[in-house]
Amino acid sequence: MENLKTAIIDIGSNTIRLVLYKYNRLEGLREFGNIKTVARLRTYLQADGEMSEEGIVLLAETLSSFKKIIDDYEVTDIKATATAAIRQAKNNQAIIERMEKETGILIDLLTEEEEAYFGFVAVAHSMDTKSAVTIDIGGGSTEITLFEDKKLQKTISFPFGTVSLKEKFVSGEVINQEEKLLLQQYVRQQFEQLDWIQEAALPVIGIGGSARNIAQIHQQLVDYPISGVHQYEIKIDDILSLSQYIEKLTFEQLKQLDGLSSDRADIIGIALEVFRELMAIVNANAFQISKKGLREGLIYNRVLQSNKSAFDKYNVFDGYARRISFEYGRSEEESIFLRRITEQFYQECCRLNLCEYNEKHLELLKRAAQVFAIGEYIEQDSSNRHTFYLLANQSIAGMNHIDRVKLALLASYKNKDYFRRFSAPFITWISREELKTLRDYGALLKFIYAFNVSKRNIVESVKFEKVDDVIHIIVLIEADHLPMAEIYQCDRQKKHIERLFKKPVQIHFYKKGEKR
């Protein structure tokens, strides 16, 4: 599959959303269009179990408008799926046939198990959490899964969601204290049936718009210093505080609340209570947010059917590194080269006891090497600032937010002063000792980057020798003549590692096969 352009239409109980994706090996998976309609289809289910004509017409109008947008983008591969609202409608087959006839779009009615499975696929291929309980609360159903070591163990779908719970428990615009207690009791009784999540002591991962909104509200309240909600984590005590904060706000205040979509103002309190009850049953200390959900699970699955190696759920970061390298003008060959030479250099440092071997540190170093100074693509003179901003403020698949900041600090290293400035907002996140280690590793990477200033990937190996307390770095190259650009740049940057090693350094370049 060289180039894929796909339209995913997600017909939910609360919203209907069109997302356009494209995929190729170099760029990876990219979203290039996203349109949402708040339809609340769940509210059109009548007492006899059928969806009303008004709801069906609304669905047809929405799909017709989406089809025109899809045609404008010249996308022919369309995957439309429907979940609880259509699934629960007794006339669902008639609806599906009518939509195909009136709009040309064939709807795939997902089972509860399929809906839960695709949510798991999205989380497994975009997060580094190895084991967790997931919850995807929509308007008319709630899917829960348990996975261990990225393998799906259990799934279940409950026939209630934020919209249906509102209909059942809430008399006004927002839930009051008495209604909240009844809701909590009901949800707890449902979750207590699941012996496979009780006291699992795993993180709970929230999927979907309500989970994302809760993360955004919390980030606004704590003045969060970076962007993005994917892999954002909220501790259980903060979830309780957030619940207490929200319950004091009126409906009008909720509609104006930063981070909250106005169309979720009446249901966000309900979703939060459902999350709290699940965390209590699981005995979870942390609530993590996945920006990826059903739609991403569908497109991941679509790509994997054609190319089983397109995504690696056990090494999620690699796909991100390939994409961002391509986006910012770094070849795959250069990324591989920087990773390889960094590992060699680190191993040599450890061999001479210039630093202590740490497997996690080495992996972080190799990751940072792949994206070191990518801000050069924007502007050479201020590449470190651009690099830090780009990495710290975009979702990085397979990295939590603290590790994302660490990556940004390493990959943007210029000198001690800039490192201190960039790290200042995160002194409560990272210990003073670890910041010093990161600063040292940043200096290491800045020197290593000088080995490839001409972007020719000509360094074959790096070896260290210690003679009379002087560190000699022996660089073997594969080229017709000595690389003057690399020699010049390494000589300029060696001060960084001399401070780190606390020893003088001499650098020697040799052509492959040349006698030393």
Protein backbone atom coordinates (compact mmCIF):
# COMPACT_ATOMS: atom_id res chain seq x y z
CA MET A 1 0.00 0.00 0.00
CA GLU A 2 2.00 2.97 -1.31
CA ASN A 3 -0.61 5.70 -0.93
CA LEU A 4 -3.97 5.41 0.76
CA LYS A 5 -6.64 8.08 1.16
CA THR A 6 -9.61 7.02 3.27
CA ALA A 7 -12.70 8.69 4.68
CA ILE A 8 -13.93 7.35 8.00
CA ILE A 9 -17.49 8.28 8.99
CA ASP A 10 -18.30 7.56 12.63
CA ILE A 11 -22.06 7.65 13.27
CA GLY A 12 -22.32 7.86 17.04
CA SER A 13 -25.16 8.44 19.44
CA ASN A 14 -24.02 11.98 20.26
CA THR A 15 -22.02 13.11 17.22
CA ILE A 16 -21.49 12.16 13.59
CA ARG A 17 -17.93 12.79 12.47
CA LEU A 18 -16.06 12.62 9.18
CA VAL A 19 -12.29 12.20 9.34
CA LEU A 20 -10.05 12.04 6.27
CA TYR A 21 -6.78 10.10 6.49
CA LYS A 22 -3.87 9.45 4.20
CA TYR A 23 -1.12 6.91 4.65
CA ASN A 24 2.18 6.08 3.04
CA ARG A 25 5.27 4.44 4.47
CA LEU A 26 7.37 7.60 4.76
CA GLU A 27 4.76 9.98 6.14
CA GLY A 28 2.90 7.34 8.12
CA LEU A 29 -0.72 8.00 9.00
CA ARG A 30 -1.91 11.59 8.76
CA GLU A 31 -5.28 13.23 9.32
CA PHE A 32 -6.08 15.91 6.74
CA GLY A 33 -9.73 16.69 7.42
CA ASN A 34 -12.09 16.54 10.41
CA ILE A 35 -15.74 17.62 10.44
CA LYS A 36 -18.23 17.05 13.24
CA THR A 37 -22.01 17.37 13.53
CA VAL A 38 -23.72 17.16 16.92
CA ALA A 39 -26.78 15.11 15.97
CA ARG A 40 -27.75 13.42 19.28
CA LEU A 41 -29.29 10.54 17.30
CA ARG A 42 -29.94 8.73 20.59
CA THR A 43 -32.70 11.24 21.37
CA TYR A 44 -34.61 10.18 18.23
CA LEU A 45 -35.21 6.64 19.49
CA GLN A 46 -38.92 6.37 20.17
CA ALA A 47 -40.84 4.41 22.80
CA ASP A 48 -41.42 1.56 20.32
CA GLY A 49 -37.66 1.22 19.81
CA GLU A 50 -37.57 2.64 16.28
CA MET A 51 -35.70 5.75 15.20
CA SER A 52 -38.06 8.54 14.20
CA GLU A 53 -38.35 9.93 10.68
CA GLU A 54 -36.87 13.21 11.96
CA GLY A 55 -33.73 11.39 13.13
CA ILE A 56 -33.41 9.44 9.89
CA VAL A 57 -33.73 12.62 7.81
CA LEU A 58 -31.08 14.32 9.96
CA LEU A 59 -28.75 11.38 9.38
CA ALA A 60 -29.36 11.43 5.62
CA GLU A 61 -28.74 15.19 5.40
CA THR A 62 -25.51 14.85 7.38
CA LEU A 63 -24.22 11.97 5.26
CA SER A 64 -25.12 13.78 2.03
CA SER A 65 -23.16 16.86 3.12
CA PHE A 66 -20.23 14.64 4.15
CA LYS A 67 -20.31 12.91 0.75
CA LYS A 68 -19.92 16.26 -1.00
CA ILE A 69 -16.89 17.07 1.17
CA ILE A 70 -15.39 13.64 0.44
CA ASP A 71 -15.87 14.23 -3.30
CA ASP A 72 -14.17 17.63 -3.01
CA TYR A 73 -11.10 15.91 -1.56
CA GLU A 74 -11.27 13.24 -4.31
CA VAL A 75 -11.40 10.41 -1.80
CA THR A 76 -13.04 7.21 -3.07
CA ASP A 77 -12.29 4.81 -0.20
CA ILE A 78 -15.09 5.33 2.35
CA LYS A 79 -15.64 3.42 5.58
CA ALA A 80 -18.86 4.41 7.37
CA THR A 81 -19.68 2.78 10.70
CA ALA A 82 -22.58 3.13 13.10
CA THR A 83 -22.64 2.32 16.79
CA ALA A 84 -25.18 2.35 19.61
CA ALA A 85 -27.89 4.72 18.34
CA ILE A 86 -28.39 2.82 15.08
CA ARG A 87 -27.60 -0.52 16.70
CA GLN A 88 -30.36 -0.02 19.28
CA ALA A 89 -32.92 1.11 16.70
CA LYS A 90 -35.33 -1.70 15.76
CA ASN A 91 -35.51 -0.33 12.21
CA ASN A 92 -31.73 -0.23 11.76
CA GLN A 93 -31.66 -2.40 8.63
CA ALA A 94 -34.23 -0.17 6.96
CA ILE A 95 -32.13 2.88 7.93
CA ILE A 96 -28.96 1.34 6.46
CA GLU A 97 -30.71 0.46 3.17
CA ARG A 98 -32.23 3.92 2.93
CA MET A 99 -28.88 5.66 3.57
CA GLU A 100 -27.20 3.66 0.80
CA LYS A 101 -30.01 4.51 -1.61
CA GLU A 102 -30.26 8.23 -0.73
CA THR A 103 -26.59 9.07 -0.11
CA GLY A 104 -24.57 6.31 -1.79
CA ILE A 105 -22.88 5.51 1.52
CA LEU A 106 -23.01 1.95 2.83
CA ILE A 107 -23.02 1.81 6.63
CA ASP A 108 -21.31 -0.99 8.53
CA LEU A 109 -23.25 -1.58 11.75
CA LEU A 110 -20.62 -2.47 14.34
CA THR A 111 -21.33 -5.00 17.05
CA GLU A 112 -20.55 -4.10 20.66
CA GLU A 113 -17.47 -6.35 20.51
CA GLU A 114 -16.20 -4.73 17.31
CA GLU A 115 -16.64 -1.24 18.75
CA ALA A 116 -14.64 -2.18 21.85
CA TYR A 117 -11.98 -3.95 19.79
CA PHE A 118 -11.28 -1.00 17.48
CA GLY A 119 -10.93 1.29 20.49
CA PHE A 120 -8.32 -1.10 21.90
CA VAL A 121 -6.48 -1.21 18.54
CA ALA A 122 -6.18 2.59 18.59
CA VAL A 123 -4.84 2.71 22.15
CA ALA A 124 -2.40 -0.18 21.66
CA HIS A 125 -0.88 1.39 18.54
CA SER A 126 -0.61 4.95 19.86
CA MET A 127 0.33 4.69 23.56
CA ASP A 128 3.20 3.15 25.51
CA THR A 129 0.98 1.91 28.36
CA LYS A 130 1.40 -1.88 28.27
CA SER A 131 -1.56 -2.91 30.44
CA ALA A 132 -4.72 -0.99 31.30
CA VAL A 133 -8.50 -0.85 31.45
CA THR A 134 -10.03 1.34 28.73
CA ILE A 135 -13.41 3.09 28.72
CA ASP A 136 -15.07 4.69 25.72
CA ILE A 137 -18.29 6.40 26.76
CA GLY A 138 -20.42 7.58 23.88
CA GLY A 139 -23.94 8.91 23.80
CA GLY A 140 -25.70 5.56 23.91
CA SER A 141 -23.17 2.91 24.94
CA THR A 142 -20.03 2.45 27.02
CA GLU A 143 -17.28 0.06 25.96
CA ILE A 144 -14.76 -1.30 28.45
CA THR A 145 -11.74 -3.46 27.68
CA LEU A 146 -8.91 -5.02 29.63
CA PHE A 147 -5.56 -5.50 27.91
CA GLU A 148 -2.29 -6.88 29.26
CA ASP A 149 1.07 -6.47 27.52
CA LYS A 150 -0.81 -4.94 24.56
CA LYS A 151 -2.94 -8.10 24.19
CA LEU A 152 -6.72 -7.78 24.47
CA GLN A 153 -8.10 -9.94 27.29
CA LYS A 154 -11.74 -8.92 27.83
CA THR A 155 -14.36 -6.62 26.30
CA ILE A 156 -17.87 -5.58 27.22
CA SER A 157 -20.36 -2.99 26.03
CA PHE A 158 -22.99 -1.48 28.30
CA PRO A 159 -26.18 -0.11 26.67
CA PHE A 160 -25.83 3.28 28.36
CA GLY A 161 -23.90 6.44 27.52
CA THR A 162 -23.91 10.10 28.43
CA VAL A 163 -27.06 10.95 26.47
CA SER A 164 -29.08 7.94 27.64
CA LEU A 165 -27.91 8.44 31.24
CA LYS A 166 -29.01 12.05 31.04
CA GLU A 167 -32.45 10.94 29.86
CA LYS A 168 -32.65 8.42 32.70
CA PHE A 169 -31.34 10.47 35.63
CA VAL A 170 -31.26 14.21 34.88
CA SER A 171 -34.36 16.39 35.07
CA GLY A 172 -32.78 19.77 34.28
CA GLU A 173 -29.97 21.05 32.11
CA VAL A 174 -27.20 19.63 34.30
CA ILE A 175 -27.06 16.90 36.91
CA ASN A 176 -27.74 17.91 40.54
CA GLN A 177 -26.38 16.34 43.72
CA GLU A 178 -29.33 14.01 44.35
CA GLU A 179 -29.34 12.82 40.74
CA LYS A 180 -25.58 12.32 40.88
CA LEU A 181 -25.90 9.90 43.83
CA LEU A 182 -28.49 7.84 41.95
CA LEU A 183 -26.30 7.83 38.84
CA GLN A 184 -23.24 6.75 40.83
CA GLN A 185 -25.19 3.89 42.44
CA TYR A 186 -26.51 2.67 39.09
CA VAL A 187 -23.15 2.79 37.30
CA ARG A 188 -21.37 1.14 40.23
CA GLN A 189 -23.84 -1.75 40.15
CA GLN A 190 -23.16 -2.25 36.44
CA PHE A 191 -19.38 -2.21 36.83
CA GLU A 192 -19.42 -4.50 39.87
CA GLN A 193 -20.61 -7.29 37.58
CA LEU A 194 -17.15 -7.36 35.98
CA ASP A 195 -14.92 -9.48 38.20
CA TRP A 196 -12.07 -9.13 35.69
CA ILE A 197 -11.58 -5.42 36.41
CA GLN A 198 -12.11 -5.41 40.17
CA GLU A 199 -8.96 -4.39 42.04
CA ALA A 200 -6.93 -4.73 38.82
CA ALA A 201 -4.79 -1.77 40.01
CA LEU A 202 -4.13 -0.68 36.43
CA PRO A 203 -4.46 2.75 34.81
CA VAL A 204 -7.84 3.60 33.32
CA ILE A 205 -7.57 5.01 29.80
CA GLY A 206 -10.39 7.27 28.63
CA ILE A 207 -11.28 7.27 24.93
CA GLY A 208 -13.55 9.73 23.15
CA GLY A 209 -14.68 13.34 23.29
CA SER A 210 -15.74 13.41 26.95
CA ALA A 211 -12.35 12.13 28.12
CA ARG A 212 -10.55 14.64 25.92
CA ASN A 213 -12.69 17.50 27.25
CA ILE A 214 -11.97 16.53 30.85
CA ALA A 215 -8.24 16.62 30.09
CA GLN A 216 -8.55 20.02 28.43
CA ILE A 217 -10.48 21.48 31.37
CA HIS A 218 -7.89 20.18 33.82
CA GLN A 219 -5.02 21.58 31.74
CA GLN A 220 -6.65 25.01 31.74
CA LEU A 221 -7.15 24.91 35.50
CA VAL A 222 -3.53 23.97 36.27
CA ASP A 223 -2.07 26.27 33.59
CA TYR A 224 -0.42 23.33 31.83
CA PRO A 225 2.81 24.41 30.12
CA ILE A 226 2.59 22.26 26.95
CA SER A 227 -0.07 21.36 24.39
CA GLY A 228 -1.88 18.12 23.63
CA VAL A 229 -4.06 15.67 25.55
CA HIS A 230 -2.88 12.34 24.12
CA GLN A 231 -1.31 10.35 26.98
CA TYR A 232 -2.15 13.14 29.43
CA GLU A 233 -2.51 11.73 32.94
CA ILE A 234 -4.72 12.91 35.80
CA LYS A 235 -4.33 11.50 39.29
CA ILE A 236 -7.40 10.18 41.09
CA ASP A 237 -7.35 13.01 43.67
CA ASP A 238 -7.41 15.55 40.83
CA ILE A 239 -10.37 13.74 39.24
CA LEU A 240 -12.28 14.20 42.51
CA SER A 241 -11.31 17.89 42.70
CA LEU A 242 -12.41 18.34 39.08
CA SER A 243 -15.79 16.77 39.86
CA GLN A 244 -16.27 19.14 42.81
CA TYR A 245 -15.30 22.10 40.64
CA ILE A 246 -17.69 21.23 37.82
CA GLU A 247 -20.69 20.59 40.08
CA LYS A 248 -20.54 24.21 41.31
CA LEU A 249 -20.95 25.65 37.79
CA THR A 250 -24.24 26.53 36.15
CA PHE A 251 -25.12 25.33 32.67
CA GLU A 252 -24.28 28.76 31.23
CA GLN A 253 -20.93 28.78 33.02
CA LEU A 254 -20.16 25.29 31.72
CA LYS A 255 -20.86 26.40 28.15
CA GLN A 256 -18.24 29.12 28.59
CA LEU A 257 -15.68 26.91 30.37
CA ASP A 258 -12.28 26.86 28.66
CA GLY A 259 -11.46 23.40 27.34
CA LEU A 260 -15.07 22.20 27.25
CA SER A 261 -17.00 21.92 23.97
CA SER A 262 -20.27 23.78 24.45
CA ASP A 263 -22.23 20.82 23.05
CA ARG A 264 -20.96 18.67 25.96
CA ALA A 265 -21.84 21.17 28.72
CA ASP A 266 -24.91 19.16 29.77
CA ILE A 267 -23.21 15.73 29.78
CA ILE A 268 -19.62 16.33 30.95
CA GLY A 269 -20.56 15.91 34.64
CA ILE A 270 -22.20 12.57 33.83
CA ALA A 271 -19.12 11.30 31.99
CA LEU A 272 -16.86 12.36 34.85
CA GLU A 273 -18.90 10.38 37.38
CA VAL A 274 -18.78 7.28 35.19
CA PHE A 275 -14.99 7.59 34.96
CA ARG A 276 -14.74 8.03 38.74
CA GLU A 277 -16.84 4.94 39.44
CA LEU A 278 -14.75 2.81 37.08
CA MET A 279 -11.50 4.04 38.65
CA ALA A 280 -12.83 3.10 42.09
CA ILE A 281 -13.75 -0.44 40.96
CA VAL A 282 -10.39 -0.92 39.23
CA ASN A 283 -8.48 0.72 42.09
CA ALA A 284 -6.75 2.91 39.53
CA ASN A 285 -4.51 5.71 40.67
CA ALA A 286 -4.29 7.40 37.27
CA PHE A 287 -6.68 8.37 34.48
CA GLN A 288 -4.93 8.55 31.12
CA ILE A 289 -6.40 10.07 27.98
CA SER A 290 -6.15 8.64 24.50
CA LYS A 291 -6.79 11.07 21.67
CA LYS A 292 -7.10 8.02 19.44
CA GLY A 293 -10.30 6.00 19.48
CA LEU A 294 -12.75 4.11 17.28
CA ARG A 295 -11.96 6.03 14.08
CA GLU A 296 -8.20 5.60 14.46
CA GLY A 297 -8.72 1.94 15.31
CA LEU A 298 -10.64 1.51 12.06
CA ILE A 299 -7.94 3.15 9.94
CA TYR A 300 -5.09 1.33 11.73
CA ASN A 301 -6.91 -1.92 11.04
CA ARG A 302 -7.52 -0.90 7.41
CA VAL A 303 -3.80 -0.25 6.81
CA LEU A 304 -2.63 -3.34 8.72
CA GLN A 305 -4.81 -5.56 6.55
CA SER A 306 -2.68 -4.57 3.56
CA ASN A 307 0.65 -4.20 5.36
CA LYS A 308 1.10 -6.09 8.63
CA SER A 309 4.35 -4.25 9.40
CA ALA A 310 2.89 -0.74 8.93
CA PHE A 311 2.51 -0.20 12.69
CA ASP A 312 4.30 -1.84 15.61
CA LYS A 313 2.32 -1.60 18.83
CA TYR A 314 5.39 -2.64 20.83
CA ASN A 315 7.53 0.15 19.38
CA VAL A 316 5.10 2.97 18.74
CA PHE A 317 7.69 5.77 18.70
CA ASP A 318 9.44 4.48 15.57
CA GLY A 319 6.45 5.31 13.39
CA TYR A 320 6.35 8.82 14.82
CA ALA A 321 10.10 9.28 14.24
CA ARG A 322 9.78 8.27 10.58
CA ARG A 323 6.89 10.67 10.06
CA ILE A 324 8.46 13.70 11.69
CA SER A 325 11.82 13.04 10.03
CA PHE A 326 10.09 13.07 6.65
CA GLU A 327 8.03 16.13 7.54
CA TYR A 328 11.06 18.18 8.53
CA GLY A 329 13.39 17.17 5.74
CA ARG A 330 15.45 14.47 7.43
CA SER A 331 16.01 11.33 5.42
CA GLU A 332 15.34 7.93 6.92
CA GLU A 333 18.98 7.05 6.25
CA GLU A 334 20.20 10.01 8.32
CA SER A 335 17.86 9.14 11.20
CA ILE A 336 19.14 5.55 11.23
CA PHE A 337 22.73 6.82 11.05
CA LEU A 338 22.31 9.21 13.99
CA ARG A 339 20.71 6.49 16.09
CA ARG A 340 23.53 4.03 15.30
CA ILE A 341 26.41 6.43 15.95
CA THR A 342 24.80 7.64 19.19
CA GLU A 343 24.59 4.08 20.49
CA GLN A 344 28.25 3.46 19.56
CA PHE A 345 29.36 6.69 21.23
CA TYR A 346 27.40 5.96 24.41
CA GLN A 347 28.75 2.41 24.62
CA GLU A 348 32.30 3.74 24.31
CA CYS A 349 31.65 6.29 27.06
CA CYS A 350 30.45 3.49 29.32
CA ARG A 351 33.39 1.23 28.41
CA LEU A 352 35.85 3.86 29.64
CA ASN A 353 33.66 4.62 32.70
CA LEU A 354 32.98 8.14 31.46
CA CYS A 355 29.31 7.51 32.20
CA GLU A 356 27.30 4.72 33.83
CA TYR A 357 25.31 2.44 31.52
CA ASN A 358 21.53 2.83 31.78
CA GLU A 359 19.29 1.08 29.26
CA LYS A 360 16.45 3.60 29.58
CA HIS A 361 18.86 6.50 29.14
CA LEU A 362 20.33 4.88 26.03
CA GLU A 363 16.87 4.43 24.49
CA LEU A 364 15.99 8.07 25.19
CA LEU A 365 19.32 9.17 23.69
CA LYS A 366 18.73 7.16 20.50
CA ARG A 367 15.24 8.60 20.15
CA ALA A 368 16.50 12.14 20.66
CA ALA A 369 19.30 11.56 18.14
CA GLN A 370 16.74 10.78 15.42
CA VAL A 371 15.04 14.16 15.86
CA PHE A 372 17.99 16.25 17.07
CA ALA A 373 17.87 19.81 15.69
CA ILE A 374 14.87 19.16 13.42
CA GLY A 375 14.09 22.86 13.87
CA GLU A 376 16.83 23.54 11.29
CA TYR A 377 14.12 22.92 8.72
CA ILE A 378 12.41 26.14 9.86
CA GLU A 379 15.45 28.32 10.58
CA GLN A 380 19.10 27.46 11.12
CA ASP A 381 19.99 30.23 13.56
CA SER A 382 17.22 29.48 16.03
CA SER A 383 16.81 25.77 15.35
CA ASN A 384 17.05 24.86 19.05
CA ARG A 385 14.00 26.98 19.92
CA HIS A 386 11.98 25.55 17.05
CA THR A 387 13.08 22.02 17.91
CA PHE A 388 12.01 22.34 21.53
CA TYR A 389 8.64 23.87 20.67
CA LEU A 390 7.86 21.30 17.95
CA LEU A 391 8.63 18.31 20.15
CA ALA A 392 7.19 19.60 23.42
CA ASN A 393 3.92 20.79 21.90
CA GLN A 394 2.74 17.99 19.67
CA SER A 395 1.36 14.60 20.57
CA ILE A 396 4.07 11.97 20.29
CA ALA A 397 2.71 8.47 19.90
CA GLY A 398 4.28 6.14 22.42
CA MET A 399 5.51 8.81 24.85
CA ASN A 400 3.92 10.23 27.98
CA HIS A 401 4.17 13.96 28.59
CA ILE A 402 7.18 13.88 30.92
CA ASP A 403 9.18 11.76 28.48
CA ARG A 404 8.09 14.07 25.67
CA VAL A 405 9.59 17.04 27.52
CA LYS A 406 12.78 15.06 28.17
CA LEU A 407 13.03 14.27 24.47
CA ALA A 408 12.52 17.94 23.59
CA LEU A 409 15.21 19.06 26.06
CA LEU A 410 17.74 16.60 24.64
CA ALA A 411 16.98 17.17 20.97
CA SER A 412 17.08 20.98 21.30
CA TYR A 413 20.30 21.24 23.31
CA LYS A 414 22.48 24.23 22.41
CA ASN A 415 24.14 25.25 25.67
CA LYS A 416 23.55 25.37 29.43
CA ASP A 417 21.75 28.69 29.30
CA TYR A 418 19.12 27.60 26.79
CA PHE A 419 18.69 24.28 28.59
CA ARG A 420 17.98 26.15 31.82
CA ARG A 421 15.41 28.37 30.09
CA PHE A 422 13.61 25.51 28.37
CA SER A 423 13.53 23.33 31.48
CA ALA A 424 12.36 26.08 33.88
CA PRO A 425 8.58 25.36 33.57
CA PHE A 426 9.18 21.69 34.36
CA ILE A 427 11.23 21.79 37.57
CA THR A 428 8.36 20.14 39.45
CA TRP A 429 8.20 17.37 36.85
CA ILE A 430 11.86 16.37 36.70
CA SER A 431 14.30 16.17 39.62
CA ARG A 432 17.37 18.39 39.78
CA GLU A 433 19.60 15.33 39.47
CA GLU A 434 17.82 14.07 36.36
CA LEU A 435 17.90 17.52 34.79
CA LYS A 436 21.67 17.52 35.19
CA THR A 437 21.83 14.11 33.50
CA LEU A 438 19.63 15.35 30.65
CA ARG A 439 21.83 18.42 30.24
CA ASP A 440 24.93 16.21 30.01
CA TYR A 441 23.27 13.95 27.46
CA GLY A 442 22.18 16.98 25.44
CA ALA A 443 25.81 18.10 25.29
CA LEU A 444 26.75 14.60 24.17
CA LEU A 445 24.19 14.69 21.35
CA LYS A 446 25.29 18.12 20.21
CA PHE A 447 28.81 16.80 19.72
CA ILE A 448 27.63 13.58 18.03
CA TYR A 449 25.52 15.63 15.61
CA ALA A 450 28.74 17.24 14.36
CA PHE A 451 29.76 13.86 12.90
CA ASN A 452 27.22 14.35 10.12
CA VAL A 453 27.10 18.06 9.46
CA SER A 454 27.36 17.42 5.68
CA LYS A 455 24.44 14.92 5.84
CA ARG A 456 26.45 12.23 4.01
CA ASN A 457 26.30 9.52 6.71
CA ILE A 458 29.98 8.70 6.12
CA VAL A 459 31.09 7.80 9.65
CA GLU A 460 31.35 4.03 9.92
CA SER A 461 32.49 3.67 13.51
CA VAL A 462 33.60 5.59 16.60
CA LYS A 463 36.09 4.19 19.11
CA PHE A 464 37.66 5.68 22.26
CA GLU A 465 41.20 5.32 23.54
CA LYS A 466 42.53 6.78 26.77
CA VAL A 467 46.21 7.77 26.75
CA ASP A 468 47.82 9.78 29.57
CA ASP A 469 44.42 11.00 30.76
CA VAL A 470 43.52 12.25 27.28
CA ILE A 471 40.46 10.81 25.52
CA HIS A 472 41.24 10.06 21.87
CA ILE A 473 38.19 9.63 19.66
CA ILE A 474 38.99 7.51 16.62
CA VAL A 475 36.53 8.12 13.78
CA LEU A 476 36.54 5.71 10.83
CA ILE A 477 34.92 7.13 7.68
CA GLU A 478 33.88 5.76 4.33
CA ALA A 479 34.83 8.55 1.90
CA ASP A 480 37.41 9.44 -0.77
CA HIS A 481 38.94 12.22 1.31
CA LEU A 482 38.87 13.51 4.86
CA PRO A 483 35.57 15.25 5.72
CA MET A 484 36.67 18.81 6.39
CA ALA A 485 33.17 19.98 7.36
CA GLU A 486 32.87 17.28 10.05
CA ILE A 487 36.43 17.84 11.27
CA TYR A 488 35.80 21.57 11.63
CA GLN A 489 32.45 21.11 13.38
CA CYS A 490 33.69 18.40 15.77
CA ASP A 491 36.60 20.61 16.79
CA ARG A 492 34.18 23.47 17.52
CA GLN A 493 31.84 21.28 19.57
CA LYS A 494 34.33 19.16 21.51
CA LYS A 495 34.21 21.65 24.42
CA HIS A 496 30.82 20.15 25.32
CA ILE A 497 32.22 16.68 25.91
CA GLU A 498 35.43 17.94 27.49
CA ARG A 499 33.29 19.55 30.19
CA LEU A 500 31.32 16.32 30.50
CA PHE A 501 34.36 14.01 30.60
CA LYS A 502 36.42 16.47 32.65
CA LYS A 503 39.35 15.47 30.43
CA PRO A 504 40.95 16.83 27.26
CA VAL A 505 39.70 15.29 24.02
CA GLN A 506 41.48 14.75 20.71
CA ILE A 507 39.60 13.68 17.58
CA HIS A 508 41.19 11.65 14.78
CA PHE A 509 39.51 10.95 11.44
CA TYR A 510 40.74 8.05 9.27
CA LYS A 511 39.54 6.77 5.93
CA LYS A 512 38.48 3.13 5.88
CA GLY A 513 41.56 0.95 5.23
CA GLU A 514 43.97 3.81 5.98
CA LYS A 515 46.80 3.04 8.39
CA ARG A 516 46.74 5.01 11.62
